[in-house]
Full PDB file with SEQRES, HELIX, SHEET, SSBOND, CRYST1, ORIGX, SCALE, CONECT and MASTER records, all heavy atoms in Angstrom:
SEQRES   1 A   36  GLY ASN ILE PHE SER SER ASN VAL MET GLY TRP TYR ARG          
SEQRES   2 A   36  GLN ALA PRO GLY LYS GLN ARG GLU LEU VAL ALA THR ILE          
SEQRES   3 A   36  THR ALA ASP GLY SER THR ASN TYR ALA ASN                      
SHEET    1 AA1 3 VAL A   8  ARG A  13  0                                        
SHEET    2 AA1 3 GLU A  21  THR A  27 -1                                        
SHEET    3 AA1 3 THR A  32  TYR A  34 -1                                        
CRYST1    1.000    1.000    1.000  90.00  90.00  90.00 P 1           1          
ORIGX1      1.000000  0.000000  0.000000        0.00000                         
ORIGX2      0.000000  1.000000  0.000000        0.00000                         
ORIGX3      0.000000  0.000000  1.000000        0.00000                         
SCALE1      1.000000  0.000000  0.000000        0.00000                         
SCALE2      0.000000  1.000000  0.000000        0.00000                         
SCALE3      0.000000  0.000000  1.000000        0.00000                         
ATOM      1  N   GLY A   1      18.102  -4.979  20.744  1.00  0.00           N  
ATOM      2  CA  GLY A   1      17.272  -4.716  21.909  1.00  0.00           C  
ATOM      3  C   GLY A   1      16.750  -6.008  22.484  1.00  0.00           C  
ATOM      4  O   GLY A   1      17.419  -7.041  22.460  1.00  0.00           O  
ATOM      5  N   ASN A   2      15.532  -5.968  22.999  1.00  0.00           N  
ATOM      6  CA  ASN A   2      14.920  -7.113  23.663  1.00  0.00           C  
ATOM      7  C   ASN A   2      14.248  -8.021  22.615  1.00  0.00           C  
ATOM      8  O   ASN A   2      13.048  -7.936  22.374  1.00  0.00           O  
ATOM      9  CB  ASN A   2      13.914  -6.622  24.695  1.00  0.00           C  
ATOM     10  CG  ASN A   2      13.415  -7.740  25.589  1.00  0.00           C  
ATOM     11  OD1 ASN A   2      14.050  -8.783  25.698  1.00  0.00           O  
ATOM     12  ND2 ASN A   2      12.281  -7.543  26.218  1.00  0.00           N  
ATOM     13  N   ILE A   3      15.064  -8.890  22.010  1.00  0.00           N  
ATOM     14  CA  ILE A   3      14.582  -9.768  20.951  1.00  0.00           C  
ATOM     15  C   ILE A   3      14.217 -11.131  21.532  1.00  0.00           C  
ATOM     16  O   ILE A   3      15.049 -11.788  22.145  1.00  0.00           O  
ATOM     17  CB  ILE A   3      15.633  -9.956  19.839  1.00  0.00           C  
ATOM     18  CG1 ILE A   3      16.143  -8.605  19.339  1.00  0.00           C  
ATOM     19  CG2 ILE A   3      15.060 -10.814  18.713  1.00  0.00           C  
ATOM     20  CD1 ILE A   3      15.091  -7.764  18.684  1.00  0.00           C  
ATOM     21  N   PHE A   4      12.988 -11.555  21.306  1.00  0.00           N  
ATOM     22  CA  PHE A   4      12.559 -12.878  21.735  1.00  0.00           C  
ATOM     23  C   PHE A   4      12.983 -13.911  20.702  1.00  0.00           C  
ATOM     24  O   PHE A   4      13.101 -13.599  19.513  1.00  0.00           O  
ATOM     25  CB  PHE A   4      11.050 -12.913  21.915  1.00  0.00           C  
ATOM     26  CG  PHE A   4      10.520 -11.999  22.992  1.00  0.00           C  
ATOM     27  CD1 PHE A   4       9.171 -11.735  23.090  1.00  0.00           C  
ATOM     28  CD2 PHE A   4      11.362 -11.384  23.906  1.00  0.00           C  
ATOM     29  CE1 PHE A   4       8.661 -10.895  24.062  1.00  0.00           C  
ATOM     30  CE2 PHE A   4      10.880 -10.533  24.882  1.00  0.00           C  
ATOM     31  CZ  PHE A   4       9.516 -10.287  24.959  1.00  0.00           C  
ATOM     32  N   SER A   5      13.151 -15.151  21.137  1.00  0.00           N  
ATOM     33  CA  SER A   5      13.555 -16.198  20.206  1.00  0.00           C  
ATOM     34  C   SER A   5      12.428 -16.541  19.230  1.00  0.00           C  
ATOM     35  O   SER A   5      12.683 -16.990  18.116  1.00  0.00           O  
ATOM     36  CB  SER A   5      13.999 -17.447  20.960  1.00  0.00           C  
ATOM     37  OG  SER A   5      12.938 -17.925  21.766  1.00  0.00           O  
ATOM     38  N   SER A   6      11.203 -16.350  19.645  1.00  0.00           N  
ATOM     39  CA  SER A   6      10.066 -16.652  18.787  1.00  0.00           C  
ATOM     40  C   SER A   6       9.463 -15.342  18.291  1.00  0.00           C  
ATOM     41  O   SER A   6       8.858 -14.611  19.079  1.00  0.00           O  
ATOM     42  CB  SER A   6       9.016 -17.461  19.522  1.00  0.00           C  
ATOM     43  OG  SER A   6       7.885 -17.672  18.704  1.00  0.00           O  
ATOM     44  N   ASN A   7       9.663 -15.037  17.055  1.00  0.00           N  
ATOM     45  CA  ASN A   7       9.096 -13.806  16.492  1.00  0.00           C  
ATOM     46  C   ASN A   7       8.886 -13.986  14.998  1.00  0.00           C  
ATOM     47  O   ASN A   7       9.330 -14.968  14.406  1.00  0.00           O  
ATOM     48  CB  ASN A   7      10.013 -12.601  16.757  1.00  0.00           C  
ATOM     49  CG  ASN A   7      11.399 -12.763  16.178  1.00  0.00           C  
ATOM     50  OD1 ASN A   7      11.555 -12.990  14.976  1.00  0.00           O  
ATOM     51  ND2 ASN A   7      12.405 -12.636  17.014  1.00  0.00           N  
ATOM     52  N   VAL A   8       8.205 -13.057  14.426  1.00  0.00           N  
ATOM     53  CA  VAL A   8       8.011 -13.029  12.980  1.00  0.00           C  
ATOM     54  C   VAL A   8       8.622 -11.734  12.457  1.00  0.00           C  
ATOM     55  O   VAL A   8       8.328 -10.655  12.964  1.00  0.00           O  
ATOM     56  CB  VAL A   8       6.521 -13.087  12.585  1.00  0.00           C  
ATOM     57  CG1 VAL A   8       6.358 -13.030  11.068  1.00  0.00           C  
ATOM     58  CG2 VAL A   8       5.867 -14.337  13.153  1.00  0.00           C  
ATOM     59  N   MET A   9       9.480 -11.853  11.486  1.00  0.00           N  
ATOM     60  CA  MET A   9      10.078 -10.674  10.862  1.00  0.00           C  
ATOM     61  C   MET A   9       9.550 -10.554   9.441  1.00  0.00           C  
ATOM     62  O   MET A   9       9.203 -11.576   8.814  1.00  0.00           O  
ATOM     63  CB  MET A   9      11.598 -10.762  10.861  1.00  0.00           C  
ATOM     64  CG  MET A   9      12.206 -10.866  12.258  1.00  0.00           C  
ATOM     65  SD  MET A   9      13.994 -10.779  12.273  1.00  0.00           S  
ATOM     66  CE  MET A   9      14.246  -8.995  12.071  1.00  0.00           C  
ATOM     67  N   GLY A  10       9.499  -9.358   8.953  1.00  0.00           N  
ATOM     68  CA  GLY A  10       8.944  -9.203   7.626  1.00  0.00           C  
ATOM     69  C   GLY A  10       9.241  -7.874   6.989  1.00  0.00           C  
ATOM     70  O   GLY A  10       9.866  -6.998   7.614  1.00  0.00           O  
ATOM     71  N   TRP A  11       8.827  -7.770   5.756  1.00  0.00           N  
ATOM     72  CA  TRP A  11       8.974  -6.544   4.969  1.00  0.00           C  
ATOM     73  C   TRP A  11       7.611  -6.107   4.464  1.00  0.00           C  
ATOM     74  O   TRP A  11       6.802  -6.930   3.995  1.00  0.00           O  
ATOM     75  CB  TRP A  11       9.909  -6.766   3.780  1.00  0.00           C  
ATOM     76  CG  TRP A  11      11.332  -7.003   4.170  1.00  0.00           C  
ATOM     77  CD1 TRP A  11      11.947  -8.190   4.362  1.00  0.00           C  
ATOM     78  CD2 TRP A  11      12.313  -5.989   4.429  1.00  0.00           C  
ATOM     79  NE1 TRP A  11      13.252  -7.998   4.729  1.00  0.00           N  
ATOM     80  CE2 TRP A  11      13.508  -6.646   4.764  1.00  0.00           C  
ATOM     81  CE3 TRP A  11      12.304  -4.591   4.400  1.00  0.00           C  
ATOM     82  CZ2 TRP A  11      14.681  -5.962   5.088  1.00  0.00           C  
ATOM     83  CZ3 TRP A  11      13.472  -3.907   4.701  1.00  0.00           C  
ATOM     84  CH2 TRP A  11      14.628  -4.596   5.042  1.00  0.00           C  
ATOM     85  N   TYR A  12       7.366  -4.826   4.556  1.00  0.00           N  
ATOM     86  CA  TYR A  12       6.163  -4.197   4.025  1.00  0.00           C  
ATOM     87  C   TYR A  12       6.612  -3.030   3.140  1.00  0.00           C  
ATOM     88  O   TYR A  12       7.752  -2.577   3.259  1.00  0.00           O  
ATOM     89  CB  TYR A  12       5.284  -3.683   5.169  1.00  0.00           C  
ATOM     90  CG  TYR A  12       4.684  -4.791   6.016  1.00  0.00           C  
ATOM     91  CD1 TYR A  12       5.477  -5.515   6.897  1.00  0.00           C  
ATOM     92  CD2 TYR A  12       3.344  -5.124   5.934  1.00  0.00           C  
ATOM     93  CE1 TYR A  12       4.957  -6.541   7.666  1.00  0.00           C  
ATOM     94  CE2 TYR A  12       2.799  -6.142   6.707  1.00  0.00           C  
ATOM     95  CZ  TYR A  12       3.617  -6.840   7.566  1.00  0.00           C  
ATOM     96  OH  TYR A  12       3.088  -7.855   8.312  1.00  0.00           O  
ATOM     97  N   ARG A  13       5.725  -2.555   2.319  1.00  0.00           N  
ATOM     98  CA  ARG A  13       6.070  -1.412   1.480  1.00  0.00           C  
ATOM     99  C   ARG A  13       4.896  -0.471   1.325  1.00  0.00           C  
ATOM    100  O   ARG A  13       3.743  -0.877   1.443  1.00  0.00           O  
ATOM    101  CB  ARG A  13       6.564  -1.867   0.102  1.00  0.00           C  
ATOM    102  CG  ARG A  13       5.506  -2.533  -0.768  1.00  0.00           C  
ATOM    103  CD  ARG A  13       6.142  -3.081  -2.037  1.00  0.00           C  
ATOM    104  NE  ARG A  13       5.155  -3.706  -2.921  1.00  0.00           N  
ATOM    105  CZ  ARG A  13       5.474  -4.382  -4.034  1.00  0.00           C  
ATOM    106  NH1 ARG A  13       6.738  -4.515  -4.403  1.00  0.00           N  
ATOM    107  NH2 ARG A  13       4.508  -4.911  -4.780  1.00  0.00           N  
ATOM    108  N   GLN A  14       5.233   0.783   1.063  1.00  0.00           N  
ATOM    109  CA  GLN A  14       4.205   1.798   0.878  1.00  0.00           C  
ATOM    110  C   GLN A  14       4.596   2.695  -0.283  1.00  0.00           C  
ATOM    111  O   GLN A  14       5.630   3.378  -0.223  1.00  0.00           O  
ATOM    112  CB  GLN A  14       4.002   2.623   2.138  1.00  0.00           C  
ATOM    113  CG  GLN A  14       2.823   3.579   2.054  1.00  0.00           C  
ATOM    114  CD  GLN A  14       2.452   4.143   3.427  1.00  0.00           C  
ATOM    115  OE1 GLN A  14       3.220   4.095   4.374  1.00  0.00           O  
ATOM    116  NE2 GLN A  14       1.243   4.683   3.527  1.00  0.00           N  
ATOM    117  N   ALA A  15       3.796   2.648  -1.326  1.00  0.00           N  
ATOM    118  CA  ALA A  15       4.000   3.507  -2.487  1.00  0.00           C  
ATOM    119  C   ALA A  15       3.252   4.828  -2.276  1.00  0.00           C  
ATOM    120  O   ALA A  15       2.296   4.870  -1.491  1.00  0.00           O  
ATOM    121  CB  ALA A  15       3.518   2.811  -3.746  1.00  0.00           C  
ATOM    122  N   PRO A  16       3.664   5.872  -2.966  1.00  0.00           N  
ATOM    123  CA  PRO A  16       2.980   7.169  -2.811  1.00  0.00           C  
ATOM    124  C   PRO A  16       1.482   7.054  -3.065  1.00  0.00           C  
ATOM    125  O   PRO A  16       1.052   6.492  -4.071  1.00  0.00           O  
ATOM    126  CB  PRO A  16       3.657   8.048  -3.847  1.00  0.00           C  
ATOM    127  CG  PRO A  16       5.005   7.452  -4.027  1.00  0.00           C  
ATOM    128  CD  PRO A  16       4.812   5.969  -3.879  1.00  0.00           C  
ATOM    129  N   GLY A  17       0.686   7.570  -2.141  1.00  0.00           N  
ATOM    130  CA  GLY A  17      -0.758   7.565  -2.301  1.00  0.00           C  
ATOM    131  C   GLY A  17      -1.431   6.240  -2.032  1.00  0.00           C  
ATOM    132  O   GLY A  17      -2.646   6.115  -2.233  1.00  0.00           O  
ATOM    133  N   LYS A  18      -0.665   5.259  -1.577  1.00  0.00           N  
ATOM    134  CA  LYS A  18      -1.229   3.936  -1.322  1.00  0.00           C  
ATOM    135  C   LYS A  18      -1.012   3.525   0.118  1.00  0.00           C  
ATOM    136  O   LYS A  18      -0.157   4.078   0.820  1.00  0.00           O  
ATOM    137  CB  LYS A  18      -0.615   2.898  -2.266  1.00  0.00           C  
ATOM    138  CG  LYS A  18      -0.941   3.120  -3.723  1.00  0.00           C  
ATOM    139  CD  LYS A  18      -0.454   1.964  -4.576  1.00  0.00           C  
ATOM    140  CE  LYS A  18      -0.834   2.128  -6.032  1.00  0.00           C  
ATOM    141  NZ  LYS A  18      -0.376   0.986  -6.866  1.00  0.00           N  
ATOM    142  N   GLN A  19      -1.767   2.525   0.558  1.00  0.00           N  
ATOM    143  CA  GLN A  19      -1.603   2.012   1.911  1.00  0.00           C  
ATOM    144  C   GLN A  19      -0.391   1.098   1.986  1.00  0.00           C  
ATOM    145  O   GLN A  19       0.044   0.523   0.981  1.00  0.00           O  
ATOM    146  CB  GLN A  19      -2.861   1.250   2.318  1.00  0.00           C  
ATOM    147  CG  GLN A  19      -4.088   2.126   2.543  1.00  0.00           C  
ATOM    148  CD  GLN A  19      -5.231   1.359   3.169  1.00  0.00           C  
ATOM    149  OE1 GLN A  19      -5.350   0.143   3.024  1.00  0.00           O  
ATOM    150  NE2 GLN A  19      -6.096   2.066   3.879  1.00  0.00           N  
ATOM    151  N   ARG A  20       0.135   0.978   3.194  1.00  0.00           N  
ATOM    152  CA  ARG A  20       1.225   0.044   3.406  1.00  0.00           C  
ATOM    153  C   ARG A  20       0.715  -1.375   3.192  1.00  0.00           C  
ATOM    154  O   ARG A  20      -0.382  -1.728   3.629  1.00  0.00           O  
ATOM    155  CB  ARG A  20       1.776   0.202   4.809  1.00  0.00           C  
ATOM    156  CG  ARG A  20       3.071  -0.542   5.092  1.00  0.00           C  
ATOM    157  CD  ARG A  20       3.649  -0.175   6.441  1.00  0.00           C  
ATOM    158  NE  ARG A  20       3.965   1.245   6.542  1.00  0.00           N  
ATOM    159  CZ  ARG A  20       4.631   1.768   7.574  1.00  0.00           C  
ATOM    160  NH1 ARG A  20       5.033   0.988   8.570  1.00  0.00           N  
ATOM    161  NH2 ARG A  20       4.855   3.073   7.615  1.00  0.00           N  
ATOM    162  N   GLU A  21       1.542  -2.197   2.500  1.00  0.00           N  
ATOM    163  CA  GLU A  21       1.116  -3.554   2.180  1.00  0.00           C  
ATOM    164  C   GLU A  21       2.207  -4.562   2.521  1.00  0.00           C  
ATOM    165  O   GLU A  21       3.405  -4.243   2.519  1.00  0.00           O  
ATOM    166  CB  GLU A  21       0.767  -3.679   0.692  1.00  0.00           C  
ATOM    167  CG  GLU A  21       1.918  -3.427  -0.250  1.00  0.00           C  
ATOM    168  CD  GLU A  21       1.549  -3.639  -1.718  1.00  0.00           C  
ATOM    169  OE1 GLU A  21       0.354  -3.865  -2.015  1.00  0.00           O  
ATOM    170  OE2 GLU A  21       2.455  -3.580  -2.565  1.00  0.00           O  
ATOM    171  N   LEU A  22       1.775  -5.774   2.775  1.00  0.00           N  
ATOM    172  CA  LEU A  22       2.696  -6.869   3.056  1.00  0.00           C  
ATOM    173  C   LEU A  22       3.495  -7.220   1.816  1.00  0.00           C  
ATOM    174  O   LEU A  22       2.949  -7.298   0.723  1.00  0.00           O  
ATOM    175  CB  LEU A  22       1.921  -8.097   3.508  1.00  0.00           C  
ATOM    176  CG  LEU A  22       2.681  -9.410   3.559  1.00  0.00           C  
ATOM    177  CD1 LEU A  22       3.605  -9.423   4.763  1.00  0.00           C  
ATOM    178  CD2 LEU A  22       1.737 -10.591   3.602  1.00  0.00           C  
ATOM    179  N   VAL A  23       4.802  -7.443   2.002  1.00  0.00           N  
ATOM    180  CA  VAL A  23       5.638  -7.987   0.935  1.00  0.00           C  
ATOM    181  C   VAL A  23       5.956  -9.445   1.254  1.00  0.00           C  
ATOM    182  O   VAL A  23       5.673 -10.332   0.459  1.00  0.00           O  
ATOM    183  CB  VAL A  23       6.937  -7.188   0.778  1.00  0.00           C  
ATOM    184  CG1 VAL A  23       7.834  -7.833  -0.283  1.00  0.00           C  
ATOM    185  CG2 VAL A  23       6.639  -5.734   0.419  1.00  0.00           C  
ATOM    186  N   ALA A  24       6.530  -9.683   2.421  1.00  0.00           N  
ATOM    187  CA  ALA A  24       6.884 -11.042   2.818  1.00  0.00           C  
ATOM    188  C   ALA A  24       7.162 -11.090   4.317  1.00  0.00           C  
ATOM    189  O   ALA A  24       7.587 -10.102   4.902  1.00  0.00           O  
ATOM    190  CB  ALA A  24       8.122 -11.527   2.063  1.00  0.00           C  
ATOM    191  N   THR A  25       6.893 -12.255   4.900  1.00  0.00           N  
ATOM    192  CA  THR A  25       7.217 -12.479   6.312  1.00  0.00           C  
ATOM    193  C   THR A  25       7.919 -13.829   6.462  1.00  0.00           C  
ATOM    194  O   THR A  25       7.792 -14.706   5.597  1.00  0.00           O  
ATOM    195  CB  THR A  25       5.968 -12.469   7.200  1.00  0.00           C  
ATOM    196  OG1 THR A  25       5.085 -13.513   6.784  1.00  0.00           O  
ATOM    197  CG2 THR A  25       5.254 -11.133   7.151  1.00  0.00           C  
ATOM    198  N   ILE A  26       8.647 -13.972   7.566  1.00  0.00           N  
ATOM    199  CA  ILE A  26       9.341 -15.213   7.857  1.00  0.00           C  
ATOM    200  C   ILE A  26       9.326 -15.420   9.365  1.00  0.00           C  
ATOM    201  O   ILE A  26       9.623 -14.494  10.132  1.00  0.00           O  
ATOM    202  CB  ILE A  26      10.760 -15.201   7.279  1.00  0.00           C  
ATOM    203  CG1 ILE A  26      11.446 -16.555   7.498  1.00  0.00           C  
ATOM    204  CG2 ILE A  26      11.593 -14.045   7.833  1.00  0.00           C  
ATOM    205  CD1 ILE A  26      12.744 -16.701   6.701  1.00  0.00           C  
ATOM    206  N   THR A  27       8.973 -16.635   9.786  1.00  0.00           N  
ATOM    207  CA  THR A  27       8.980 -16.956  11.209  1.00  0.00           C  
ATOM    208  C   THR A  27      10.390 -17.355  11.662  1.00  0.00           C  
ATOM    209  O   THR A  27      11.294 -17.519  10.838  1.00  0.00           O  
ATOM    210  CB  THR A  27       8.017 -18.117  11.494  1.00  0.00           C  
ATOM    211  OG1 THR A  27       8.501 -19.293  10.832  1.00  0.00           O  
ATOM    212  CG2 THR A  27       6.607 -17.807  10.997  1.00  0.00           C  
ATOM    213  N   ALA A  28      10.544 -17.515  12.948  1.00  0.00           N  
ATOM    214  CA  ALA A  28      11.850 -17.868  13.494  1.00  0.00           C  
ATOM    215  C   ALA A  28      12.325 -19.233  12.997  1.00  0.00           C  
ATOM    216  O   ALA A  28      13.537 -19.457  12.867  1.00  0.00           O  
ATOM    217  CB  ALA A  28      11.799 -17.858  15.016  1.00  0.00           C  
ATOM    218  N   ASP A  29      11.400 -20.128  12.675  1.00  0.00           N  
ATOM    219  CA  ASP A  29      11.796 -21.448  12.176  1.00  0.00           C  
ATOM    220  C   ASP A  29      11.818 -21.511  10.658  1.00  0.00           C  
ATOM    221  O   ASP A  29      11.976 -22.582  10.082  1.00  0.00           O  
ATOM    222  CB  ASP A  29      10.879 -22.540  12.733  1.00  0.00           C  
ATOM    223  CG  ASP A  29       9.441 -22.388  12.302  1.00  0.00           C  
ATOM    224  OD1 ASP A  29       9.134 -21.437  11.557  1.00  0.00           O  
ATOM    225  OD2 ASP A  29       8.600 -23.208  12.720  1.00  0.00           O  
ATOM    226  N   GLY A  30      11.650 -20.355   9.995  1.00  0.00           N  
ATOM    227  CA  GLY A  30      11.866 -20.294   8.558  1.00  0.00           C  
ATOM    228  C   GLY A  30      10.640 -20.399   7.662  1.00  0.00           C  
ATOM    229  O   GLY A  30      10.787 -20.413   6.432  1.00  0.00           O  
ATOM    230  N   SER A  31       9.457 -20.448   8.234  1.00  0.00           N  
ATOM    231  CA  SER A  31       8.262 -20.477   7.391  1.00  0.00           C  
ATOM    232  C   SER A  31       8.031 -19.101   6.774  1.00  0.00           C  
ATOM    233  O   SER A  31       8.117 -18.086   7.460  1.00  0.00           O  
ATOM    234  CB  SER A  31       7.050 -20.869   8.225  1.00  0.00           C  
ATOM    235  OG  SER A  31       7.189 -22.190   8.708  1.00  0.00           O  
ATOM    236  N   THR A  32       7.739 -19.087   5.484  1.00  0.00           N  
ATOM    237  CA  THR A  32       7.627 -17.829   4.753  1.00  0.00           C  
ATOM    238  C   THR A  32       6.226 -17.615   4.190  1.00  0.00           C  
ATOM    239  O   THR A  32       5.465 -18.573   3.965  1.00  0.00           O  
ATOM    240  CB  THR A  32       8.635 -17.769   3.607  1.00  0.00           C  
ATOM    241  OG1 THR A  32       8.400 -18.877   2.723  1.00  0.00           O  
ATOM    242  CG2 THR A  32      10.062 -17.825   4.123  1.00  0.00           C  
ATOM    243  N   ASN A  33       5.928 -16.351   3.946  1.00  0.00           N  
ATOM    244  CA  ASN A  33       4.668 -15.948   3.342  1.00  0.00           C  
ATOM    245  C   ASN A  33       4.960 -14.760   2.442  1.00  0.00           C  
ATOM    246  O   ASN A  33       5.699 -13.849   2.834  1.00  0.00           O  
ATOM    247  CB  ASN A  33       3.652 -15.562   4.412  1.00  0.00           C  
ATOM    248  CG  ASN A  33       2.332 -15.127   3.830  1.00  0.00           C  
ATOM    249  OD1 ASN A  33       1.759 -15.817   2.993  1.00  0.00           O  
ATOM    250  ND2 ASN A  33       1.829 -13.981   4.239  1.00  0.00           N  
ATOM    251  N   TYR A  34       4.403 -14.774   1.223  1.00  0.00           N  
ATOM    252  CA  TYR A  34       4.678 -13.726   0.248  1.00  0.00           C  
ATOM    253  C   TYR A  34       3.384 -13.134  -0.312  1.00  0.00           C  
ATOM    254  O   TYR A  34       2.384 -13.831  -0.463  1.00  0.00           O  
ATOM    255  CB  TYR A  34       5.482 -14.266  -0.938  1.00  0.00           C  
ATOM    256  CG  TYR A  34       6.879 -14.705  -0.628  1.00  0.00           C  
ATOM    257  CD1 TYR A  34       7.156 -16.030  -0.302  1.00  0.00           C  
ATOM    258  CD2 TYR A  34       7.935 -13.813  -0.677  1.00  0.00           C  
ATOM    259  CE1 TYR A  34       8.446 -16.450  -0.014  1.00  0.00           C  
ATOM    260  CE2 TYR A  34       9.235 -14.217  -0.401  1.00  0.00           C  
ATOM    261  CZ  TYR A  34       9.478 -15.534  -0.077  1.00  0.00           C  
ATOM    262  OH  TYR A  34      10.767 -15.944   0.207  1.00  0.00           O  
ATOM    263  N   ALA A  35       3.447 -11.877  -0.676  1.00  0.00           N  
ATOM    264  CA  ALA A  35       2.389 -11.305  -1.478  1.00  0.00           C  
ATOM    265  C   ALA A  35       2.432 -11.943  -2.859  1.00  0.00           C  
ATOM    266  O   ALA A  35       3.514 -12.271  -3.376  1.00  0.00           O  
ATOM    267  CB  ALA A  35       2.580  -9.782  -1.599  1.00  0.00           C  
ATOM    268  N   ASN A  36       1.269 -12.121  -3.471  1.00  0.00           N  
ATOM    269  CA  ASN A  36       1.220 -12.764  -4.784  1.00  0.00           C  
ATOM    270  C   ASN A  36       2.049 -12.009  -5.818  1.00  0.00           C  
ATOM    271  O   ASN A  36       2.644 -12.626  -6.712  1.00  0.00           O  
ATOM    272  CB  ASN A  36      -0.224 -12.866  -5.259  1.00  0.00           C  
ATOM    273  CG  ASN A  36      -1.017 -13.918  -4.505  1.00  0.00           C  
ATOM    274  OD1 ASN A  36      -0.450 -14.878  -3.990  1.00  0.00           O  
ATOM    275  ND2 ASN A  36      -2.315 -13.734  -4.414  1.00  0.00           N  
TER     276      ASN A  36                                                      
MASTER        0    0    0    0    3    0    0    6  275    1    0    3          
END                                                                             
């Protein structure tokens, strides 16, 4: 679709009975962030 060159992509997860939480993200230039 309409994908911009500058974006952040990531993964989140949701276990039964729990809130959705961050797993990891990565920017367009490769900077990453992880859940502990």
